[in-house]
Amino acid sequence: MKGRWKGTTFHELRTRLYNEGKLNFLESDFDTLYILENYEVETGTYISRIWNKRGGVSYVYNRNSFSSDREKLFTDYTVQLVQAWDTATIKREASINASTLPERYINATRLSLANAQTKIECITFKEFFELERDR
């Protein structure tokens, strides 16, 4: 049985961005690509950040429309931990400083290219926030 999800997928959104020329920083010889993604069930809003050393894009997608008018979609600390791929600290932060209700889960992906081999790593964690550090 195929999945039950009937909505738009993050893959479809990335494909649209690529076709619209908004992922021009991606080239076939990249070394590492990072992706943070969140879907807010309550509002039907997709939130994502895609980046590598050449550039990046952050977007919000809702009701068939892209926007990027929000200042920070993910905290600097979250971005730093993902870029370092410090999964131990990510898990610890998610267990200690998880945001209050509604719980939001973030999917992080790291794609690495080395010696013509692609490596894909993923982690899902509860969004975390510490007021003094992350505001």
C-alpha atoms as a PDB file:
ATOM      1  CA  MET A   1       0.000   0.000   0.000  1.00  0.00           C
ATOM      2  CA  LYS A   2       1.375   3.390  -0.981  1.00  0.00           C
ATOM      3  CA  GLY A   3       1.624   6.167   1.632  1.00  0.00           C
ATOM      4  CA  ARG A   4      -1.492   8.048   2.668  1.00  0.00           C
ATOM      5  CA  TRP A   5      -0.057  11.546   2.210  1.00  0.00           C
ATOM      6  CA  LYS A   6      -2.066  13.408  -0.428  1.00  0.00           C
ATOM      7  CA  GLY A   7      -0.451  16.831  -0.097  1.00  0.00           C
ATOM      8  CA  THR A   8       2.576  18.366  -1.736  1.00  0.00           C
ATOM      9  CA  THR A   9       5.932  16.814  -0.835  1.00  0.00           C
ATOM     10  CA  PHE A  10       9.156  18.620   0.005  1.00  0.00           C
ATOM     11  CA  HIS A  11      10.689  16.914  -3.027  1.00  0.00           C
ATOM     12  CA  GLU A  12       8.047  18.496  -5.264  1.00  0.00           C
ATOM     13  CA  LEU A  13       8.763  21.902  -3.703  1.00  0.00           C
ATOM     14  CA  ARG A  14      12.523  21.515  -4.216  1.00  0.00           C
ATOM     15  CA  THR A  15      11.884  20.551  -7.839  1.00  0.00           C
ATOM     16  CA  ARG A  16       9.749  23.682  -8.338  1.00  0.00           C
ATOM     17  CA  LEU A  17      12.461  25.862  -6.805  1.00  0.00           C
ATOM     18  CA  TYR A  18      15.064  24.275  -9.056  1.00  0.00           C
ATOM     19  CA  ASN A  19      12.918  24.788 -12.154  1.00  0.00           C
ATOM     20  CA  GLU A  20      12.366  28.439 -11.152  1.00  0.00           C
ATOM     21  CA  GLY A  21      16.140  28.986 -10.923  1.00  0.00           C
ATOM     22  CA  LYS A  22      16.180  29.527  -7.163  1.00  0.00           C
ATOM     23  CA  LEU A  23      18.701  26.755  -6.490  1.00  0.00           C
ATOM     24  CA  ASN A  24      21.426  28.095  -8.795  1.00  0.00           C
ATOM     25  CA  PHE A  25      24.022  27.634  -6.063  1.00  0.00           C
ATOM     26  CA  LEU A  26      23.718  23.865  -6.595  1.00  0.00           C
ATOM     27  CA  GLU A  27      26.206  22.398  -9.012  1.00  0.00           C
ATOM     28  CA  SER A  28      27.201  18.838  -9.714  1.00  0.00           C
ATOM     29  CA  ASP A  29      30.555  19.260  -7.978  1.00  0.00           C
ATOM     30  CA  PHE A  30      29.248  20.341  -4.550  1.00  0.00           C
ATOM     31  CA  ASP A  31      30.775  18.625  -1.549  1.00  0.00           C
ATOM     32  CA  THR A  32      28.021  18.894   1.087  1.00  0.00           C
ATOM     33  CA  LEU A  33      24.415  20.049   0.958  1.00  0.00           C
ATOM     34  CA  TYR A  34      22.267  20.654   4.043  1.00  0.00           C
ATOM     35  CA  ILE A  35      18.472  20.722   4.260  1.00  0.00           C
ATOM     36  CA  LEU A  36      16.217  21.624   7.193  1.00  0.00           C
ATOM     37  CA  GLU A  37      12.490  21.005   6.749  1.00  0.00           C
ATOM     38  CA  ASN A  38       9.400  21.386   8.882  1.00  0.00           C
ATOM     39  CA  TYR A  39       5.716  20.972   8.113  1.00  0.00           C
ATOM     40  CA  GLU A  40       3.162  22.721  10.323  1.00  0.00           C
ATOM     41  CA  VAL A  41       0.075  20.516  10.346  1.00  0.00           C
ATOM     42  CA  GLU A  42      -2.116  23.202  11.917  1.00  0.00           C
ATOM     43  CA  THR A  43      -1.594  25.685   9.068  1.00  0.00           C
ATOM     44  CA  GLY A  44      -0.492  23.473   6.180  1.00  0.00           C
ATOM     45  CA  THR A  45       2.760  25.440   5.969  1.00  0.00           C
ATOM     46  CA  TYR A  46       6.040  24.029   4.699  1.00  0.00           C
ATOM     47  CA  ILE A  47       9.237  25.613   6.042  1.00  0.00           C
ATOM     48  CA  SER A  48      12.669  24.846   4.643  1.00  0.00           C
ATOM     49  CA  ARG A  49      16.265  25.971   4.401  1.00  0.00           C
ATOM     50  CA  ILE A  50      18.661  24.507   1.822  1.00  0.00           C
ATOM     51  CA  TRP A  51      22.327  25.528   1.734  1.00  0.00           C
ATOM     52  CA  ASN A  52      25.902  24.659   0.948  1.00  0.00           C
ATOM     53  CA  LYS A  53      29.152  26.635   0.968  1.00  0.00           C
ATOM     54  CA  ARG A  54      28.144  28.495  -2.235  1.00  0.00           C
ATOM     55  CA  GLY A  55      24.800  29.826  -1.064  1.00  0.00           C
ATOM     56  CA  GLY A  56      21.356  28.907   0.086  1.00  0.00           C
ATOM     57  CA  VAL A  57      17.661  29.556   0.089  1.00  0.00           C
ATOM     58  CA  SER A  58      15.047  29.662   2.850  1.00  0.00           C
ATOM     59  CA  TYR A  59      11.356  29.536   2.075  1.00  0.00           C
ATOM     60  CA  VAL A  60       7.867  29.188   3.421  1.00  0.00           C
ATOM     61  CA  TYR A  61       5.272  27.521   1.211  1.00  0.00           C
ATOM     62  CA  ASN A  62       1.531  27.784   1.880  1.00  0.00           C
ATOM     63  CA  ARG A  63      -1.541  27.805  -0.329  1.00  0.00           C
ATOM     64  CA  ASN A  64       0.403  27.245  -3.542  1.00  0.00           C
ATOM     65  CA  SER A  65       2.721  30.186  -2.900  1.00  0.00           C
ATOM     66  CA  PHE A  66       6.377  30.601  -1.904  1.00  0.00           C
ATOM     67  CA  SER A  67       7.555  33.390   0.361  1.00  0.00           C
ATOM     68  CA  SER A  68      10.774  34.169   2.140  1.00  0.00           C
ATOM     69  CA  ASP A  69       9.770  37.176   4.205  1.00  0.00           C
ATOM     70  CA  ARG A  70      10.352  35.622   7.625  1.00  0.00           C
ATOM     71  CA  GLU A  71      13.622  36.604   9.234  1.00  0.00           C
ATOM     72  CA  LYS A  72      14.715  33.327  10.786  1.00  0.00           C
ATOM     73  CA  LEU A  73      13.030  30.067   9.920  1.00  0.00           C
ATOM     74  CA  PHE A  74      15.412  28.057  12.115  1.00  0.00           C
ATOM     75  CA  THR A  75      17.649  29.253  14.926  1.00  0.00           C
ATOM     76  CA  ASP A  76      21.315  29.943  14.233  1.00  0.00           C
ATOM     77  CA  TYR A  77      22.200  27.292  16.804  1.00  0.00           C
ATOM     78  CA  THR A  78      20.117  24.650  15.020  1.00  0.00           C
ATOM     79  CA  VAL A  79      21.779  25.552  11.715  1.00  0.00           C
ATOM     80  CA  GLN A  80      25.247  25.378  13.312  1.00  0.00           C
ATOM     81  CA  LEU A  81      24.578  21.955  14.836  1.00  0.00           C
ATOM     82  CA  VAL A  82      23.267  20.576  11.553  1.00  0.00           C
ATOM     83  CA  GLN A  83      26.186  21.996   9.588  1.00  0.00           C
ATOM     84  CA  ALA A  84      28.575  20.331  12.067  1.00  0.00           C
ATOM     85  CA  TRP A  85      26.340  17.236  11.903  1.00  0.00           C
ATOM     86  CA  ASP A  86      26.512  17.047  15.697  1.00  0.00           C
ATOM     87  CA  THR A  87      23.657  14.570  16.101  1.00  0.00           C
ATOM     88  CA  ALA A  88      24.480  13.836  19.739  1.00  0.00           C
ATOM     89  CA  THR A  89      24.011  17.492  20.711  1.00  0.00           C
ATOM     90  CA  ILE A  90      20.921  17.794  18.513  1.00  0.00           C
ATOM     91  CA  LYS A  91      19.309  14.836  20.311  1.00  0.00           C
ATOM     92  CA  ARG A  92      20.309  16.189  23.727  1.00  0.00           C
ATOM     93  CA  GLU A  93      18.940  19.668  22.936  1.00  0.00           C
ATOM     94  CA  ALA A  94      15.692  18.174  21.623  1.00  0.00           C
ATOM     95  CA  SER A  95      15.213  16.216  24.839  1.00  0.00           C
ATOM     96  CA  ILE A  96      16.114  19.109  27.183  1.00  0.00           C
ATOM     97  CA  ASN A  97      14.911  22.243  25.367  1.00  0.00           C
ATOM     98  CA  ALA A  98      12.080  21.007  23.154  1.00  0.00           C
ATOM     99  CA  SER A  99       9.588  23.744  22.331  1.00  0.00           C
ATOM    100  CA  THR A 100       6.215  23.674  24.006  1.00  0.00           C
ATOM    101  CA  LEU A 101       3.002  22.667  22.297  1.00  0.00           C
ATOM    102  CA  PRO A 102       2.422  22.268  19.511  1.00  0.00           C
ATOM    103  CA  GLU A 103       5.434  20.020  19.136  1.00  0.00           C
ATOM    104  CA  ARG A 104       7.224  20.670  15.887  1.00  0.00           C
ATOM    105  CA  TYR A 105       9.514  18.153  14.309  1.00  0.00           C
ATOM    106  CA  ILE A 106      12.391  19.134  12.061  1.00  0.00           C
ATOM    107  CA  ASN A 107      13.907  16.873   9.429  1.00  0.00           C
ATOM    108  CA  ALA A 108      17.580  17.499   8.736  1.00  0.00           C
ATOM    109  CA  THR A 109      19.428  15.990   5.795  1.00  0.00           C
ATOM    110  CA  ARG A 110      23.094  16.069   4.864  1.00  0.00           C
ATOM    111  CA  LEU A 111      24.145  15.008   1.375  1.00  0.00           C
ATOM    112  CA  SER A 112      27.876  14.527   0.873  1.00  0.00           C
ATOM    113  CA  LEU A 113      29.712  13.866  -2.346  1.00  0.00           C
ATOM    114  CA  ALA A 114      33.210  12.413  -2.181  1.00  0.00           C
ATOM    115  CA  ASN A 115      35.072  10.297  -4.715  1.00  0.00           C
ATOM    116  CA  ALA A 116      31.953  10.043  -6.902  1.00  0.00           C
ATOM    117  CA  GLN A 117      30.058   8.495  -3.971  1.00  0.00           C
ATOM    118  CA  THR A 118      26.947  10.151  -2.566  1.00  0.00           C
ATOM    119  CA  LYS A 119      26.193   9.747   1.118  1.00  0.00           C
ATOM    120  CA  ILE A 120      22.806  10.773   2.510  1.00  0.00           C
ATOM    121  CA  GLU A 121      22.236  11.100   6.261  1.00  0.00           C
ATOM    122  CA  CYS A 122      18.995  12.135   7.974  1.00  0.00           C
ATOM    123  CA  ILE A 123      17.835  12.948  11.468  1.00  0.00           C
ATOM    124  CA  THR A 124      14.407  13.966  12.772  1.00  0.00           C
ATOM    125  CA  PHE A 125      14.176  15.857  16.040  1.00  0.00           C
ATOM    126  CA  LYS A 126      11.846  18.043  18.073  1.00  0.00           C
ATOM    127  CA  GLU A 127      12.402  21.740  17.557  1.00  0.00           C
ATOM    128  CA  PHE A 128      14.377  23.138  20.498  1.00  0.00           C
ATOM    129  CA  PHE A 129      14.745  26.644  21.799  1.00  0.00           C
ATOM    130  CA  GLU A 130      16.531  28.309  24.710  1.00  0.00           C
ATOM    131  CA  LEU A 131      15.491  31.917  25.207  1.00  0.00           C
ATOM    132  CA  GLU A 132      18.862  33.360  26.226  1.00  0.00           C
ATOM    133  CA  ARG A 133      20.732  31.632  23.412  1.00  0.00           C
ATOM    134  CA  ASP A 134      18.265  31.570  20.523  1.00  0.00           C
ATOM    135  CA  ARG A 135      16.388  34.873  20.539  1.00  0.00           C
END
